[in-house]
Amino acid sequence: MICDVCKGRSASVRVKKMTGGLLTDHFLCTECAIRFGYAKKINRFYADTPQPESEIRCPCCGCSMQEITEIGVVGCASCYDTFRERLAMTVEKIHGKVSYAGRVPPSSSPRMQNESRIAAARAEMAAAIEREDFERAAQLRDLIHAIQNTPQGGISS
């Protein structure tokens, strides 16, 4: 099949497009696909697609950090190793921290529930101190002491 755009090279990319409620197929050669911005989508299938030399790509799926940022989804498990530092910075910007502590299931022990409550209160207390809300920080400090001194499952700091 011949490229619909240049009418000269062999088509290697099929693009489906919805226009006015009608689905149309367009067949493009690799060069025209790159020119019209489809290179990102077909990059993992075409190793010879020209890429900027400074752009780091995942060796497994071919995603770049820019593509991950635009789409909001990591391409594969290897992306976590390839973009470890940049992903950590992005996650920290969004969530305020890199590690995920999770939630404590209701069926867990009182000790585990108290540990979770204390960790959350300590984090909130640190944020209150940072924004100079010392009254709230004092309330949280007292809450932490009260939880630690409970007879069932209290923990020591």
Protein backbone atom coordinates (compact mmCIF):
# COMPACT_ATOMS: atom_id res chain seq x y z
CA MET A 1 0.00 0.00 0.00
CA ILE A 2 1.25 3.53 -0.81
CA CYS A 3 1.40 6.43 1.67
CA ASP A 4 -1.74 8.61 1.51
CA VAL A 5 0.30 11.78 2.07
CA CYS A 6 3.46 11.61 -0.06
CA LYS A 7 2.09 9.06 -2.55
CA GLY A 8 5.62 7.76 -3.04
CA ARG A 9 6.78 5.52 -0.20
CA SER A 10 5.29 2.30 1.08
CA ALA A 11 2.80 2.80 3.93
CA SER A 12 3.81 1.18 7.20
CA VAL A 13 1.50 2.96 9.65
CA ARG A 14 -2.27 2.83 9.79
CA VAL A 15 -3.99 5.76 11.51
CA LYS A 16 -7.68 5.57 12.37
CA LYS A 17 -9.33 8.95 12.77
CA MET A 18 -12.87 9.95 13.75
CA THR A 19 -14.00 12.93 11.66
CA GLY A 20 -17.57 14.19 11.77
CA GLY A 21 -18.83 10.92 13.19
CA LEU A 22 -17.12 8.87 10.47
CA LEU A 23 -14.17 6.58 11.09
CA THR A 24 -11.54 6.94 8.39
CA ASP A 25 -8.30 5.05 7.82
CA HIS A 26 -5.11 6.78 6.71
CA PHE A 27 -2.03 4.86 5.64
CA LEU A 28 1.30 6.63 6.14
CA CYS A 29 4.95 5.87 5.55
CA THR A 30 7.28 6.14 8.56
CA GLU A 31 8.60 9.56 7.47
CA CYS A 32 5.12 11.08 7.11
CA ALA A 33 4.02 9.52 10.40
CA ILE A 34 6.97 11.22 12.12
CA ARG A 35 6.20 14.52 10.40
CA PHE A 36 2.56 14.44 11.61
CA GLY A 37 3.52 13.57 15.20
CA TYR A 38 2.72 9.87 15.30
CA ALA A 39 6.34 8.96 16.13
CA LYS A 40 5.63 8.93 19.86
CA LYS A 41 2.90 6.37 19.40
CA ILE A 42 4.85 4.10 17.07
CA ASN A 43 8.32 4.59 18.54
CA ARG A 44 8.51 1.24 20.28
CA PHE A 45 7.77 -0.52 16.99
CA TYR A 46 10.31 1.42 14.92
CA ALA A 47 13.79 1.33 16.38
CA ASP A 48 15.19 3.43 13.51
CA THR A 49 12.89 6.40 14.23
CA PRO A 50 15.09 9.46 14.73
CA GLN A 51 15.02 10.74 18.33
CA PRO A 52 16.78 13.63 20.02
CA GLU A 53 20.05 12.27 21.39
CA SER A 54 19.60 13.98 24.76
CA GLU A 55 16.22 12.31 25.40
CA ILE A 56 16.49 9.22 27.58
CA ARG A 57 14.10 6.39 26.72
CA CYS A 58 13.15 3.24 28.57
CA PRO A 59 15.06 0.32 27.03
CA CYS A 60 12.04 -1.96 27.37
CA CYS A 61 9.02 0.03 26.12
CA GLY A 62 10.66 3.10 24.53
CA CYS A 63 8.77 5.72 26.60
CA SER A 64 10.43 9.01 27.47
CA MET A 65 9.88 10.94 30.71
CA GLN A 66 8.09 13.63 28.70
CA GLU A 67 5.61 11.05 27.37
CA ILE A 68 5.04 9.66 30.86
CA THR A 69 4.37 13.18 32.13
CA GLU A 70 1.98 13.98 29.27
CA ILE A 71 0.03 10.73 29.50
CA GLY A 72 0.21 10.38 33.28
CA VAL A 73 0.96 6.65 33.11
CA VAL A 74 4.28 4.82 33.34
CA GLY A 75 4.92 2.66 30.27
CA CYS A 76 6.26 -0.50 31.96
CA ALA A 77 8.04 -1.78 35.07
CA SER A 78 11.46 -0.89 33.60
CA CYS A 79 10.44 2.77 33.44
CA TYR A 80 10.60 2.89 37.24
CA ASP A 81 14.31 1.96 37.11
CA THR A 82 15.11 4.15 34.09
CA PHE A 83 13.43 7.29 35.45
CA ARG A 84 13.80 6.62 39.19
CA GLU A 85 15.01 10.09 40.26
CA ARG A 86 12.66 12.06 38.01
CA LEU A 87 9.65 9.92 38.95
CA ALA A 88 10.45 10.36 42.64
CA MET A 89 10.53 14.15 42.24
CA THR A 90 7.23 14.11 40.33
CA VAL A 91 5.51 11.87 42.88
CA GLU A 92 6.79 14.04 45.73
CA LYS A 93 5.44 17.20 44.03
CA ILE A 94 2.02 15.61 43.63
CA HIS A 95 1.66 13.73 46.93
CA GLY A 96 4.07 15.54 49.24
CA LYS A 97 6.11 12.40 49.90
CA VAL A 98 7.61 9.54 47.92
CA SER A 99 6.74 6.55 50.09
CA TYR A 100 3.22 5.23 50.51
CA ALA A 101 2.27 4.17 54.02
CA GLY A 102 -1.12 2.75 53.09
CA ARG A 103 -4.17 2.41 55.26
CA VAL A 104 -4.72 0.16 58.21
CA PRO A 105 -7.55 -2.33 57.66
CA PRO A 106 -10.35 -2.20 60.26
CA SER A 107 -9.64 -5.81 61.27
CA SER A 108 -6.04 -5.00 62.30
CA SER A 109 -4.85 -5.02 65.90
CA PRO A 110 -5.37 -1.95 68.11
CA ARG A 111 -1.58 -1.59 68.33
CA MET A 112 -1.29 -1.37 64.54
CA GLN A 113 -4.16 1.12 64.37
CA ASN A 114 -2.50 3.25 67.05
CA GLU A 115 0.84 3.20 65.21
CA SER A 116 -0.92 4.43 62.09
CA ARG A 117 -2.78 7.17 63.98
CA ILE A 118 0.46 8.32 65.63
CA ALA A 119 2.33 8.43 62.31
CA ALA A 120 -0.47 10.48 60.73
CA ALA A 121 -0.60 12.84 63.72
CA ARG A 122 3.19 13.31 63.64
CA ALA A 123 3.08 14.17 59.95
CA GLU A 124 0.24 16.62 60.51
CA MET A 125 2.08 18.11 63.50
CA ALA A 126 5.20 18.67 61.38
CA ALA A 127 3.09 20.43 58.75
CA ALA A 128 1.43 22.57 61.43
CA ILE A 129 4.82 23.59 62.82
CA GLU A 130 6.05 24.44 59.33
CA ARG A 131 3.09 26.77 58.74
CA GLU A 132 3.57 28.13 62.29
CA ASP A 133 0.20 26.89 63.56
CA PHE A 134 1.54 26.12 67.01
CA GLU A 135 -1.87 25.69 68.65
CA ARG A 136 -2.71 22.85 66.27
CA ALA A 137 0.77 21.38 66.75
CA ALA A 138 0.24 21.37 70.53
CA GLN A 139 -3.15 19.65 70.13
CA LEU A 140 -1.56 16.99 67.95
CA ARG A 141 1.31 16.53 70.42
CA ASP A 142 -1.24 15.94 73.19
CA LEU A 143 -3.15 13.51 70.98
CA ILE A 144 0.04 11.55 70.31
CA HIS A 145 0.78 11.34 74.05
CA ALA A 146 -2.79 10.23 74.77
CA ILE A 147 -2.60 7.48 72.13
CA GLN A 148 0.79 6.32 73.44
CA ASN A 149 -0.57 6.08 76.97
CA THR A 150 -3.63 3.97 76.10
CA PRO A 151 -3.61 0.61 77.88
CA GLN A 152 -4.37 -1.44 74.76
CA GLY A 153 -1.75 -1.33 72.07
CA GLY A 154 -0.01 1.89 73.04
CA ILE A 155 3.51 2.25 71.67
CA SER A 156 6.55 4.04 72.95
CA SER A 157 8.26 6.68 70.88
